[in-house]
Amino acid sequence: MADDNKPAEVRANHDPHGAPPLADGDRVRRAAPPVHTPPPTTRQKAVAILIVVIVVAAIVIGALR
């Protein structure tokens, strides 16, 4: 094996009871979440609008100074 020449602390410790390693060239692909995120609530929308208003006001005040 290619790992035989490496020191013991550098070699991978494979779990004999775990899943087998992936074959060369395989990639782990993230699965899509099974449940879609719920739409934002009214409170979340209000907080987002308030943040935007504060940022815009800060930019306008900074530009007028």
N, C-alpha and C. Protein backbone atom coordinates (compact mmCIF):
# COMPACT_ATOMS: atom_id res chain seq x y z
N MET A 1 0.83 -1.18 0.00
CA MET A 1 0.00 0.00 0.00
C MET A 1 0.88 1.25 0.00
N ALA A 2 0.30 2.36 -0.41
CA ALA A 2 1.06 3.61 -0.49
C ALA A 2 1.33 4.17 0.89
N ASP A 3 0.50 3.84 1.88
CA ASP A 3 0.67 4.38 3.22
C ASP A 3 1.72 3.65 4.04
N ASP A 4 2.26 2.55 3.54
CA ASP A 4 3.21 1.77 4.32
C ASP A 4 4.50 2.52 4.61
N ASN A 5 4.88 3.45 3.76
CA ASN A 5 6.13 4.18 3.94
C ASN A 5 6.00 5.36 4.89
N LYS A 6 4.80 5.73 5.26
CA LYS A 6 4.58 6.89 6.14
C LYS A 6 4.72 6.47 7.60
N PRO A 7 5.12 7.39 8.47
CA PRO A 7 5.16 7.07 9.90
C PRO A 7 3.75 6.76 10.42
N ALA A 8 3.67 6.05 11.51
CA ALA A 8 2.38 5.61 12.04
C ALA A 8 1.48 6.78 12.39
N GLU A 9 2.06 7.89 12.89
CA GLU A 9 1.21 9.01 13.30
C GLU A 9 0.65 9.78 12.11
N VAL A 10 1.17 9.56 10.90
CA VAL A 10 0.68 10.25 9.71
C VAL A 10 -0.35 9.41 8.97
N ARG A 11 -0.25 8.09 9.10
CA ARG A 11 -1.17 7.19 8.40
C ARG A 11 -2.59 7.35 8.93
N ALA A 12 -3.55 7.16 8.07
CA ALA A 12 -4.96 7.25 8.48
C ALA A 12 -5.32 6.05 9.33
N ASN A 13 -6.08 6.29 10.38
CA ASN A 13 -6.58 5.21 11.23
C ASN A 13 -7.96 4.83 10.75
N HIS A 14 -8.07 3.73 10.08
CA HIS A 14 -9.36 3.31 9.53
C HIS A 14 -10.12 2.50 10.57
N ASP A 15 -11.39 2.79 10.70
CA ASP A 15 -12.25 2.05 11.61
C ASP A 15 -12.63 0.74 10.95
N PRO A 16 -12.27 -0.40 11.52
CA PRO A 16 -12.58 -1.67 10.86
C PRO A 16 -14.08 -1.95 10.80
N HIS A 17 -14.85 -1.31 11.64
CA HIS A 17 -16.30 -1.55 11.64
C HIS A 17 -17.06 -0.43 10.94
N GLY A 18 -16.37 0.55 10.43
CA GLY A 18 -17.02 1.68 9.78
C GLY A 18 -17.28 1.41 8.31
N ALA A 19 -17.76 2.44 7.64
CA ALA A 19 -18.05 2.33 6.21
C ALA A 19 -16.74 2.21 5.42
N PRO A 20 -16.75 1.50 4.33
CA PRO A 20 -15.53 1.38 3.53
C PRO A 20 -15.17 2.72 2.91
N PRO A 21 -13.90 2.95 2.62
CA PRO A 21 -13.52 4.22 2.00
C PRO A 21 -14.08 4.34 0.59
N LEU A 22 -14.24 5.58 0.14
CA LEU A 22 -14.74 5.81 -1.21
C LEU A 22 -13.70 5.42 -2.24
N ALA A 23 -14.16 4.96 -3.37
CA ALA A 23 -13.24 4.61 -4.44
C ALA A 23 -12.60 5.87 -5.01
N ASP A 24 -11.46 5.74 -5.66
CA ASP A 24 -10.79 6.89 -6.25
C ASP A 24 -11.70 7.57 -7.26
N GLY A 25 -11.76 8.88 -7.21
CA GLY A 25 -12.56 9.65 -8.15
C GLY A 25 -13.97 9.93 -7.66
N ASP A 26 -14.43 9.23 -6.63
CA ASP A 26 -15.77 9.51 -6.11
C ASP A 26 -15.73 10.76 -5.26
N ARG A 27 -16.80 11.47 -5.27
CA ARG A 27 -16.90 12.69 -4.49
C ARG A 27 -18.12 12.59 -3.58
N VAL A 28 -17.99 13.15 -2.41
CA VAL A 28 -19.13 13.20 -1.50
C VAL A 28 -19.99 14.37 -1.91
N ARG A 29 -21.23 14.12 -2.15
CA ARG A 29 -22.14 15.17 -2.60
C ARG A 29 -23.15 15.45 -1.51
N ARG A 30 -23.35 16.74 -1.27
CA ARG A 30 -24.29 17.13 -0.24
C ARG A 30 -25.71 16.89 -0.75
N ALA A 31 -26.48 16.24 0.07
CA ALA A 31 -27.87 15.98 -0.29
C ALA A 31 -28.71 17.23 -0.02
N ALA A 32 -29.70 17.45 -0.84
CA ALA A 32 -30.59 18.59 -0.64
C ALA A 32 -31.41 18.36 0.62
N PRO A 33 -31.66 19.41 1.38
CA PRO A 33 -32.46 19.21 2.59
C PRO A 33 -33.86 18.72 2.23
N PRO A 34 -34.36 17.76 2.97
CA PRO A 34 -35.67 17.19 2.62
C PRO A 34 -36.82 18.16 2.86
N VAL A 35 -36.67 19.07 3.80
CA VAL A 35 -37.75 19.99 4.13
C VAL A 35 -37.31 21.41 3.74
N HIS A 36 -38.15 22.11 3.03
CA HIS A 36 -37.85 23.48 2.65
C HIS A 36 -38.02 24.39 3.85
N THR A 37 -37.23 25.46 3.88
CA THR A 37 -37.35 26.39 5.00
C THR A 37 -38.66 27.15 4.90
N PRO A 38 -39.28 27.41 6.03
CA PRO A 38 -40.55 28.12 6.00
C PRO A 38 -40.34 29.57 5.58
N PRO A 39 -41.36 30.20 5.02
CA PRO A 39 -41.23 31.61 4.63
C PRO A 39 -41.03 32.48 5.86
N PRO A 40 -40.40 33.65 5.68
CA PRO A 40 -40.15 34.52 6.85
C PRO A 40 -41.46 35.00 7.46
N THR A 41 -41.44 35.13 8.77
CA THR A 41 -42.63 35.62 9.48
C THR A 41 -42.73 37.13 9.35
N THR A 42 -43.83 37.67 9.77
CA THR A 42 -44.04 39.12 9.72
C THR A 42 -43.01 39.83 10.59
N ARG A 43 -42.70 39.26 11.75
CA ARG A 43 -41.72 39.89 12.64
C ARG A 43 -40.34 39.90 11.98
N GLN A 44 -39.96 38.81 11.33
CA GLN A 44 -38.67 38.77 10.66
C GLN A 44 -38.60 39.78 9.52
N LYS A 45 -39.69 39.93 8.79
CA LYS A 45 -39.74 40.93 7.72
C LYS A 45 -39.61 42.34 8.30
N ALA A 46 -40.30 42.60 9.42
CA ALA A 46 -40.25 43.93 10.03
C ALA A 46 -38.83 44.25 10.52
N VAL A 47 -38.16 43.28 11.12
CA VAL A 47 -36.79 43.49 11.59
C VAL A 47 -35.87 43.76 10.41
N ALA A 48 -36.04 43.03 9.32
CA ALA A 48 -35.20 43.24 8.13
C ALA A 48 -35.42 44.64 7.55
N ILE A 49 -36.67 45.07 7.49
CA ILE A 49 -36.97 46.41 6.96
C ILE A 49 -36.38 47.47 7.88
N LEU A 50 -36.47 47.27 9.19
CA LEU A 50 -35.90 48.23 10.14
C LEU A 50 -34.38 48.34 9.97
N ILE A 51 -33.72 47.24 9.78
CA ILE A 51 -32.27 47.25 9.57
C ILE A 51 -31.92 48.01 8.30
N VAL A 52 -32.67 47.76 7.22
CA VAL A 52 -32.41 48.46 5.97
C VAL A 52 -32.63 49.96 6.13
N VAL A 53 -33.69 50.35 6.82
CA VAL A 53 -33.96 51.78 7.04
C VAL A 53 -32.83 52.42 7.83
N ILE A 54 -32.33 51.74 8.86
CA ILE A 54 -31.23 52.29 9.66
C ILE A 54 -29.97 52.45 8.82
N VAL A 55 -29.66 51.45 8.00
CA VAL A 55 -28.46 51.53 7.16
C VAL A 55 -28.59 52.66 6.14
N VAL A 56 -29.75 52.78 5.51
CA VAL A 56 -29.95 53.85 4.52
C VAL A 56 -29.87 55.22 5.21
N ALA A 57 -30.46 55.34 6.38
CA ALA A 57 -30.41 56.61 7.11
C ALA A 57 -28.97 56.96 7.47
N ALA A 58 -28.19 55.97 7.88
CA ALA A 58 -26.79 56.23 8.22
C ALA A 58 -25.99 56.68 7.00
N ILE A 59 -26.27 56.09 5.86
CA ILE A 59 -25.58 56.49 4.63
C ILE A 59 -25.97 57.90 4.24
N VAL A 60 -27.25 58.24 4.33
CA VAL A 60 -27.72 59.59 3.98
C VAL A 60 -27.12 60.62 4.92
N ILE A 61 -27.13 60.34 6.22
CA ILE A 61 -26.57 61.28 7.19
C ILE A 61 -25.07 61.46 6.94
N GLY A 62 -24.38 60.36 6.65
CA GLY A 62 -22.95 60.45 6.36
C GLY A 62 -22.66 61.25 5.11
N ALA A 63 -23.52 61.13 4.12
CA ALA A 63 -23.32 61.88 2.86
C ALA A 63 -23.60 63.38 3.05
N LEU A 64 -24.52 63.73 3.92
CA LEU A 64 -24.89 65.12 4.14
C LEU A 64 -23.92 65.86 5.06
N ARG A 65 -23.09 65.16 5.78
CA ARG A 65 -22.16 65.83 6.71
C ARG A 65 -21.06 66.50 6.00
